[in-house]
Amino acid sequence: MGFGGISIWQLLIVALIIVLLFGTKKLRGLGGDLGSAVKGFKKAVTDEENKADEQKKIEKDDASFTSAEKAEVKDDKKAEK
């Protein structure tokens, strides 16, 4: 028994029909496109997590400064521009 009552032989027959209909080049291209999409999605999720962690760290660092120190950092940033 395979998945949900579908046997291995039925899955192989369906796979063979799909290969015959679309051809190996088209299926290979589709697989590559799908892989690229998954890779891009994972990268976007990781980037968002890194941004959130970085923002939390900045907020934590800001909380440890006194207001005089914060004003000094702002003045330094303005002077850099």
PDB file of N, CA and C in Angstrom:
ATOM      1  N   MET A   1       0.838  -1.189   0.000  1.00  0.00           N
ATOM      2  CA  MET A   1       0.000   0.000   0.000  1.00  0.00           C
ATOM      3  C   MET A   1       0.877   1.244   0.000  1.00  0.00           C
ATOM      4  N   GLY A   2       0.488   2.215  -0.775  1.00  0.00           N
ATOM      5  CA  GLY A   2       1.197   3.483  -0.840  1.00  0.00           C
ATOM      6  C   GLY A   2       0.488   4.536  -0.026  1.00  0.00           C
ATOM      7  N   PHE A   3       0.336   5.685  -0.597  1.00  0.00           N
ATOM      8  CA  PHE A   3      -0.280   6.822   0.068  1.00  0.00           C
ATOM      9  C   PHE A   3      -1.790   6.795  -0.130  1.00  0.00           C
ATOM     10  N   GLY A   4      -2.553   6.682   0.944  1.00  0.00           N
ATOM     11  CA  GLY A   4      -4.003   6.756   0.858  1.00  0.00           C
ATOM     12  C   GLY A   4      -4.622   5.707  -0.036  1.00  0.00           C
ATOM     13  N   GLY A   5      -4.061   4.514  -0.078  1.00  0.00           N
ATOM     14  CA  GLY A   5      -4.629   3.447  -0.882  1.00  0.00           C
ATOM     15  C   GLY A   5      -4.095   3.407  -2.308  1.00  0.00           C
ATOM     16  N   ILE A   6      -3.122   4.274  -2.635  1.00  0.00           N
ATOM     17  CA  ILE A   6      -2.521   4.267  -3.981  1.00  0.00           C
ATOM     18  C   ILE A   6      -1.241   3.448  -3.910  1.00  0.00           C
ATOM     19  N   SER A   7      -1.125   2.465  -4.782  1.00  0.00           N
ATOM     20  CA  SER A   7       0.047   1.599  -4.751  1.00  0.00           C
ATOM     21  C   SER A   7       1.224   2.250  -5.480  1.00  0.00           C
ATOM     22  N   ILE A   8       2.386   1.666  -5.284  1.00  0.00           N
ATOM     23  CA  ILE A   8       3.614   2.131  -5.932  1.00  0.00           C
ATOM     24  C   ILE A   8       3.465   2.069  -7.457  1.00  0.00           C
ATOM     25  N   TRP A   9       2.859   1.014  -7.966  1.00  0.00           N
ATOM     26  CA  TRP A   9       2.698   0.844  -9.410  1.00  0.00           C
ATOM     27  C   TRP A   9       1.824   1.955  -9.998  1.00  0.00           C
ATOM     28  N   GLN A  10       0.760   2.322  -9.287  1.00  0.00           N
ATOM     29  CA  GLN A  10      -0.099   3.402  -9.770  1.00  0.00           C
ATOM     30  C   GLN A  10       0.665   4.733  -9.800  1.00  0.00           C
ATOM     31  N   LEU A  11       1.481   4.965  -8.778  1.00  0.00           N
ATOM     32  CA  LEU A  11       2.301   6.186  -8.766  1.00  0.00           C
ATOM     33  C   LEU A  11       3.299   6.200  -9.926  1.00  0.00           C
ATOM     34  N   LEU A  12       3.913   5.060 -10.215  1.00  0.00           N
ATOM     35  CA  LEU A  12       4.865   4.973 -11.326  1.00  0.00           C
ATOM     36  C   LEU A  12       4.170   5.218 -12.670  1.00  0.00           C
ATOM     37  N   ILE A  13       2.980   4.681 -12.844  1.00  0.00           N
ATOM     38  CA  ILE A  13       2.234   4.877 -14.099  1.00  0.00           C
ATOM     39  C   ILE A  13       1.889   6.360 -14.268  1.00  0.00           C
ATOM     40  N   VAL A  14       1.446   7.006 -13.200  1.00  0.00           N
ATOM     41  CA  VAL A  14       1.121   8.435 -13.271  1.00  0.00           C
ATOM     42  C   VAL A  14       2.378   9.238 -13.592  1.00  0.00           C
ATOM     43  N   ALA A  15       3.508   8.906 -12.963  1.00  0.00           N
ATOM     44  CA  ALA A  15       4.769   9.607 -13.225  1.00  0.00           C
ATOM     45  C   ALA A  15       5.190   9.430 -14.685  1.00  0.00           C
ATOM     46  N   LEU A  16       5.045   8.231 -15.219  1.00  0.00           N
ATOM     47  CA  LEU A  16       5.393   7.965 -16.613  1.00  0.00           C
ATOM     48  C   LEU A  16       4.519   8.786 -17.564  1.00  0.00           C
ATOM     49  N   ILE A  17       3.237   8.871 -17.286  1.00  0.00           N
ATOM     50  CA  ILE A  17       2.321   9.665 -18.130  1.00  0.00           C
ATOM     51  C   ILE A  17       2.710  11.146 -18.090  1.00  0.00           C
ATOM     52  N   ILE A  18       3.064  11.640 -16.913  1.00  0.00           N
ATOM     53  CA  ILE A  18       3.467  13.056 -16.786  1.00  0.00           C
ATOM     54  C   ILE A  18       4.733  13.319 -17.586  1.00  0.00           C
ATOM     55  N   VAL A  19       5.704  12.386 -17.504  1.00  0.00           N
ATOM     56  CA  VAL A  19       6.947  12.556 -18.272  1.00  0.00           C
ATOM     57  C   VAL A  19       6.651  12.533 -19.765  1.00  0.00           C
ATOM     58  N   LEU A  20       5.782  11.655 -20.204  1.00  0.00           N
ATOM     59  CA  LEU A  20       5.441  11.576 -21.624  1.00  0.00           C
ATOM     60  C   LEU A  20       4.709  12.841 -22.100  1.00  0.00           C
ATOM     61  N   LEU A  21       3.841  13.387 -21.257  1.00  0.00           N
ATOM     62  CA  LEU A  21       3.093  14.588 -21.645  1.00  0.00           C
ATOM     63  C   LEU A  21       3.975  15.835 -21.710  1.00  0.00           C
ATOM     64  N   PHE A  22       4.805  16.036 -20.703  1.00  0.00           N
ATOM     65  CA  PHE A  22       5.559  17.292 -20.604  1.00  0.00           C
ATOM     66  C   PHE A  22       6.987  17.196 -21.096  1.00  0.00           C
ATOM     67  N   GLY A  23       7.583  16.039 -21.081  1.00  0.00           N
ATOM     68  CA  GLY A  23       8.964  15.889 -21.499  1.00  0.00           C
ATOM     69  C   GLY A  23       9.916  16.193 -20.352  1.00  0.00           C
ATOM     70  N   THR A  24      11.103  15.623 -20.447  1.00  0.00           N
ATOM     71  CA  THR A  24      12.061  15.753 -19.354  1.00  0.00           C
ATOM     72  C   THR A  24      12.631  17.162 -19.243  1.00  0.00           C
ATOM     73  N   LYS A  25      12.827  17.860 -20.372  1.00  0.00           N
ATOM     74  CA  LYS A  25      13.392  19.215 -20.320  1.00  0.00           C
ATOM     75  C   LYS A  25      12.460  20.174 -19.584  1.00  0.00           C
ATOM     76  N   LYS A  26      11.185  20.095 -19.885  1.00  0.00           N
ATOM     77  CA  LYS A  26      10.217  20.981 -19.241  1.00  0.00           C
ATOM     78  C   LYS A  26      10.110  20.661 -17.751  1.00  0.00           C
ATOM     79  N   LEU A  27      10.115  19.374 -17.406  1.00  0.00           N
ATOM     80  CA  LEU A  27      10.047  18.986 -15.993  1.00  0.00           C
ATOM     81  C   LEU A  27      11.302  19.410 -15.239  1.00  0.00           C
ATOM     82  N   ARG A  28      12.465  19.305 -15.890  1.00  0.00           N
ATOM     83  CA  ARG A  28      13.717  19.725 -15.274  1.00  0.00           C
ATOM     84  C   ARG A  28      13.699  21.229 -15.027  1.00  0.00           C
ATOM     85  N   GLY A  29      13.212  21.985 -16.005  1.00  0.00           N
ATOM     86  CA  GLY A  29      13.107  23.437 -15.842  1.00  0.00           C
ATOM     87  C   GLY A  29      12.133  23.814 -14.730  1.00  0.00           C
ATOM     88  N   LEU A  30      11.027  23.088 -14.670  1.00  0.00           N
ATOM     89  CA  LEU A  30      10.039  23.326 -13.621  1.00  0.00           C
ATOM     90  C   LEU A  30      10.624  23.031 -12.249  1.00  0.00           C
ATOM     91  N   GLY A  31      11.395  21.965 -12.148  1.00  0.00           N
ATOM     92  CA  GLY A  31      12.054  21.626 -10.881  1.00  0.00           C
ATOM     93  C   GLY A  31      13.053  22.686 -10.463  1.00  0.00           C
ATOM     94  N   GLY A  32      13.817  23.195 -11.438  1.00  0.00           N
ATOM     95  CA  GLY A  32      14.780  24.255 -11.146  1.00  0.00           C
ATOM     96  C   GLY A  32      14.085  25.533 -10.686  1.00  0.00           C
ATOM     97  N   ASP A  33      12.989  25.882 -11.352  1.00  0.00           N
ATOM     98  CA  ASP A  33      12.232  27.073 -10.959  1.00  0.00           C
ATOM     99  C   ASP A  33      11.649  26.921  -9.557  1.00  0.00           C
ATOM    100  N   LEU A  34      11.138  25.738  -9.271  1.00  0.00           N
ATOM    101  CA  LEU A  34      10.574  25.479  -7.946  1.00  0.00           C
ATOM    102  C   LEU A  34      11.659  25.555  -6.874  1.00  0.00           C
ATOM    103  N   GLY A  35      12.824  25.001  -7.164  1.00  0.00           N
ATOM    104  CA  GLY A  35      13.947  25.063  -6.224  1.00  0.00           C
ATOM    105  C   GLY A  35      14.393  26.488  -5.966  1.00  0.00           C
ATOM    106  N   SER A  36      14.451  27.303  -7.017  1.00  0.00           N
ATOM    107  CA  SER A  36      14.830  28.707  -6.865  1.00  0.00           C
ATOM    108  C   SER A  36      13.804  29.471  -6.024  1.00  0.00           C
ATOM    109  N   ALA A  37      12.541  29.173  -6.237  1.00  0.00           N
ATOM    110  CA  ALA A  37      11.492  29.844  -5.470  1.00  0.00           C
ATOM    111  C   ALA A  37      11.588  29.484  -3.988  1.00  0.00           C
ATOM    112  N   VAL A  38      11.832  28.217  -3.685  1.00  0.00           N
ATOM    113  CA  VAL A  38      11.963  27.795  -2.288  1.00  0.00           C
ATOM    114  C   VAL A  38      13.182  28.440  -1.653  1.00  0.00           C
ATOM    115  N   LYS A  39      14.297  28.498  -2.390  1.00  0.00           N
ATOM    116  CA  LYS A  39      15.514  29.108  -1.880  1.00  0.00           C
ATOM    117  C   LYS A  39      15.297  30.596  -1.604  1.00  0.00           C
ATOM    118  N   GLY A  40      14.608  31.284  -2.509  1.00  0.00           N
ATOM    119  CA  GLY A  40      14.308  32.704  -2.307  1.00  0.00           C
ATOM    120  C   GLY A  40      13.411  32.931  -1.112  1.00  0.00           C
ATOM    121  N   PHE A  41      12.426  32.058  -0.924  1.00  0.00           N
ATOM    122  CA  PHE A  41      11.525  32.168   0.230  1.00  0.00           C
ATOM    123  C   PHE A  41      12.295  31.988   1.528  1.00  0.00           C
ATOM    124  N   LYS A  42      13.156  30.978   1.594  1.00  0.00           N
ATOM    125  CA  LYS A  42      13.945  30.742   2.801  1.00  0.00           C
ATOM    126  C   LYS A  42      14.850  31.932   3.102  1.00  0.00           C
ATOM    127  N   LYS A  43      15.448  32.507   2.058  1.00  0.00           N
ATOM    128  CA  LYS A  43      16.328  33.665   2.244  1.00  0.00           C
ATOM    129  C   LYS A  43      15.541  34.857   2.784  1.00  0.00           C
ATOM    130  N   ALA A  44      14.345  35.085   2.262  1.00  0.00           N
ATOM    131  CA  ALA A  44      13.515  36.197   2.722  1.00  0.00           C
ATOM    132  C   ALA A  44      13.116  36.013   4.185  1.00  0.00           C
ATOM    133  N   VAL A  45      12.762  34.790   4.560  1.00  0.00           N
ATOM    134  CA  VAL A  45      12.382  34.525   5.945  1.00  0.00           C
ATOM    135  C   VAL A  45      13.579  34.745   6.868  1.00  0.00           C
ATOM    136  N   THR A  46      14.746  34.263   6.470  1.00  0.00           N
ATOM    137  CA  THR A  46      15.949  34.425   7.279  1.00  0.00           C
ATOM    138  C   THR A  46      16.313  35.902   7.417  1.00  0.00           C
ATOM    139  N   ASP A  47      16.203  36.666   6.327  1.00  0.00           N
ATOM    140  CA  ASP A  47      16.508  38.093   6.378  1.00  0.00           C
ATOM    141  C   ASP A  47      15.568  38.817   7.338  1.00  0.00           C
ATOM    142  N   GLU A  48      14.291  38.478   7.308  1.00  0.00           N
ATOM    143  CA  GLU A  48      13.321  39.111   8.208  1.00  0.00           C
ATOM    144  C   GLU A  48      13.637  38.782   9.663  1.00  0.00           C
ATOM    145  N   GLU A  49      14.009  37.534   9.937  1.00  0.00           N
ATOM    146  CA  GLU A  49      14.355  37.147  11.306  1.00  0.00           C
ATOM    147  C   GLU A  49      15.593  37.908  11.768  1.00  0.00           C
ATOM    148  N   ASN A  50      16.586  38.043  10.879  1.00  0.00           N
ATOM    149  CA  ASN A  50      17.801  38.778  11.237  1.00  0.00           C
ATOM    150  C   ASN A  50      17.498  40.242  11.506  1.00  0.00           C
ATOM    151  N   LYS A  51      16.615  40.842  10.692  1.00  0.00           N
ATOM    152  CA  LYS A  51      16.242  42.245  10.913  1.00  0.00           C
ATOM    153  C   LYS A  51      15.550  42.411  12.258  1.00  0.00           C
ATOM    154  N   ALA A  52      14.654  41.489  12.580  1.00  0.00           N
ATOM    155  CA  ALA A  52      13.926  41.563  13.851  1.00  0.00           C
ATOM    156  C   ALA A  52      14.888  41.413  15.029  1.00  0.00           C
ATOM    157  N   ASP A  53      15.827  40.477  14.939  1.00  0.00           N
ATOM    158  CA  ASP A  53      16.811  40.295  16.007  1.00  0.00           C
ATOM    159  C   ASP A  53      17.686  41.531  16.160  1.00  0.00           C
ATOM    160  N   GLU A  54      18.092  42.107  15.033  1.00  0.00           N
ATOM    161  CA  GLU A  54      18.928  43.302  15.057  1.00  0.00           C
ATOM    162  C   GLU A  54      18.175  44.478  15.679  1.00  0.00           C
ATOM    163  N   GLN A  55      16.899  44.620  15.328  1.00  0.00           N
ATOM    164  CA  GLN A  55      16.087  45.702  15.876  1.00  0.00           C
ATOM    165  C   GLN A  55      15.922  45.540  17.386  1.00  0.00           C
ATOM    166  N   LYS A  56      15.698  44.302  17.848  1.00  0.00           N
ATOM    167  CA  LYS A  56      15.576  44.052  19.287  1.00  0.00           C
ATOM    168  C   LYS A  56      16.870  44.409  20.000  1.00  0.00           C
ATOM    169  N   LYS A  57      18.010  44.076  19.388  1.00  0.00           N
ATOM    170  CA  LYS A  57      19.304  44.380  19.998  1.00  0.00           C
ATOM    171  C   LYS A  57      19.496  45.888  20.089  1.00  0.00           C
ATOM    172  N   ILE A  58      19.117  46.607  19.040  1.00  0.00           N
ATOM    173  CA  ILE A  58      19.252  48.067  19.043  1.00  0.00           C
ATOM    174  C   ILE A  58      18.369  48.670  20.129  1.00  0.00           C
ATOM    175  N   GLU A  59      17.138  48.181  20.224  1.00  0.00           N
ATOM    176  CA  GLU A  59      16.229  48.697  21.248  1.00  0.00           C
ATOM    177  C   GLU A  59      16.759  48.408  22.645  1.00  0.00           C
ATOM    178  N   LYS A  60      17.360  47.225  22.836  1.00  0.00           N
ATOM    179  CA  LYS A  60      17.926  46.875  24.135  1.00  0.00           C
ATOM    180  C   LYS A  60      19.106  47.785  24.454  1.00  0.00           C
ATOM    181  N   ASP A  61      19.959  48.031  23.453  1.00  0.00           N
ATOM    182  CA  ASP A  61      21.099  48.919  23.652  1.00  0.00           C
ATOM    183  C   ASP A  61      20.633  50.343  23.946  1.00  0.00           C
ATOM    184  N   ASP A  62      19.584  50.794  23.257  1.00  0.00           N
ATOM    185  CA  ASP A  62      19.053  52.139  23.478  1.00  0.00           C
ATOM    186  C   ASP A  62      18.510  52.298  24.889  1.00  0.00           C
ATOM    187  N   ALA A  63      17.926  51.253  25.423  1.00  0.00           N
ATOM    188  CA  ALA A  63      17.349  51.325  26.763  1.00  0.00           C
ATOM    189  C   ALA A  63      18.423  51.490  27.825  1.00  0.00           C
ATOM    190  N   SER A  64      19.643  51.044  27.531  1.00  0.00           N
ATOM    191  CA  SER A  64      20.720  51.142  28.513  1.00  0.00           C
ATOM    192  C   SER A  64      21.390  52.518  28.510  1.00  0.00           C
ATOM    193  N   PHE A  65      21.149  53.343  27.493  1.00  0.00           N
ATOM    194  CA  PHE A  65      21.717  54.690  27.430  1.00  0.00           C
ATOM    195  C   PHE A  65      20.892  55.664  28.252  1.00  0.00           C
ATOM    196  N   THR A  66      21.570  56.642  28.800  1.00  0.00           N
ATOM    197  CA  THR A  66      20.841  57.743  29.431  1.00  0.00           C
ATOM    198  C   THR A  66      20.420  58.713  28.337  1.00  0.00           C
ATOM    199  N   SER A  67      19.540  59.622  28.637  1.00  0.00           N
ATOM    200  CA  SER A  67      19.076  60.559  27.614  1.00  0.00           C
ATOM    201  C   SER A  67      20.204  61.464  27.141  1.00  0.00           C
ATOM    202  N   ALA A  68      21.153  61.800  27.995  1.00  0.00           N
ATOM    203  CA  ALA A  68      22.296  62.624  27.592  1.00  0.00           C
ATOM    204  C   ALA A  68      23.173  61.870  26.595  1.00  0.00           C
ATOM    205  N   GLU A  69      23.358  60.580  26.838  1.00  0.00           N
ATOM    206  CA  GLU A  69      24.159  59.775  25.922  1.00  0.00           C
ATOM    207  C   GLU A  69      23.458  59.637  24.572  1.00  0.00           C
ATOM    208  N   LYS A  70      22.118  59.487  24.583  1.00  0.00           N
ATOM    209  CA  LYS A  70      21.365  59.397  23.336  1.00  0.00           C
ATOM    210  C   LYS A  70      21.513  60.674  22.524  1.00  0.00           C
ATOM    211  N   ALA A  71      21.451  61.819  23.173  1.00  0.00           N
ATOM    212  CA  ALA A  71      21.607  63.100  22.480  1.00  0.00           C
ATOM    213  C   ALA A  71      22.989  63.197  21.870  1.00  0.00           C
ATOM    214  N   GLU A  72      24.002  62.715  22.588  1.00  0.00           N
ATOM    215  CA  GLU A  72      25.377  62.754  22.077  1.00  0.00           C
ATOM    216  C   GLU A  72      25.525  61.872  20.834  1.00  0.00           C
ATOM    217  N   VAL A  73      24.906  60.693  20.835  1.00  0.00           N
ATOM    218  CA  VAL A  73      24.962  59.800  19.676  1.00  0.00           C
ATOM    219  C   VAL A  73      24.269  60.438  18.487  1.00  0.00           C
ATOM    220  N   LYS A  74      23.124  61.082  18.693  1.00  0.00           N
ATOM    221  CA  LYS A  74      22.428  61.767  17.597  1.00  0.00           C
ATOM    222  C   LYS A  74      23.293  62.869  17.016  1.00  0.00           C
ATOM    223  N   ASP A  75      23.976  63.633  17.879  1.00  0.00           N
ATOM    224  CA  ASP A  75      24.848  64.709  17.406  1.00  0.00           C
ATOM    225  C   ASP A  75      26.002  64.130  16.582  1.00  0.00           C
ATOM    226  N   ASP A  76      26.544  62.991  17.038  1.00  0.00           N
ATOM    227  CA  ASP A  76      27.619  62.350  16.289  1.00  0.00           C
ATOM    228  C   ASP A  76      27.145  61.886  14.921  1.00  0.00           C
ATOM    229  N   LYS A  77      25.941  61.352  14.851  1.00  0.00           N
ATOM    230  CA  LYS A  77      25.399  60.903  13.567  1.00  0.00           C
ATOM    231  C   LYS A  77      25.159  62.074  12.620  1.00  0.00           C
ATOM    232  N   LYS A  78      24.689  63.177  13.145  1.00  0.00           N
ATOM    233  CA  LYS A  78      24.484  64.372  12.316  1.00  0.00           C
ATOM    234  C   LYS A  78      25.803  64.901  11.801  1.00  0.00           C
ATOM    235  N   ALA A  79      26.835  64.853  12.628  1.00  0.00           N
ATOM    236  CA  ALA A  79      28.151  65.348  12.230  1.00  0.00           C
ATOM    237  C   ALA A  79      28.746  64.466  11.126  1.00  0.00           C
ATOM    238  N   GLU A  80      28.438  63.168  11.129  1.00  0.00           N
ATOM    239  CA  GLU A  80      28.950  62.262  10.099  1.00  0.00           C
ATOM    240  C   GLU A  80      28.372  62.567   8.738  1.00  0.00           C
ATOM    241  N   LYS A  81      27.128  63.027   8.694  1.00  0.00           N
ATOM    242  CA  LYS A  81      26.459  63.316   7.422  1.00  0.00           C
ATOM    243  C   LYS A  81      27.047  64.557   6.861  1.00  0.00           C
TER     244      LYS A  81
END
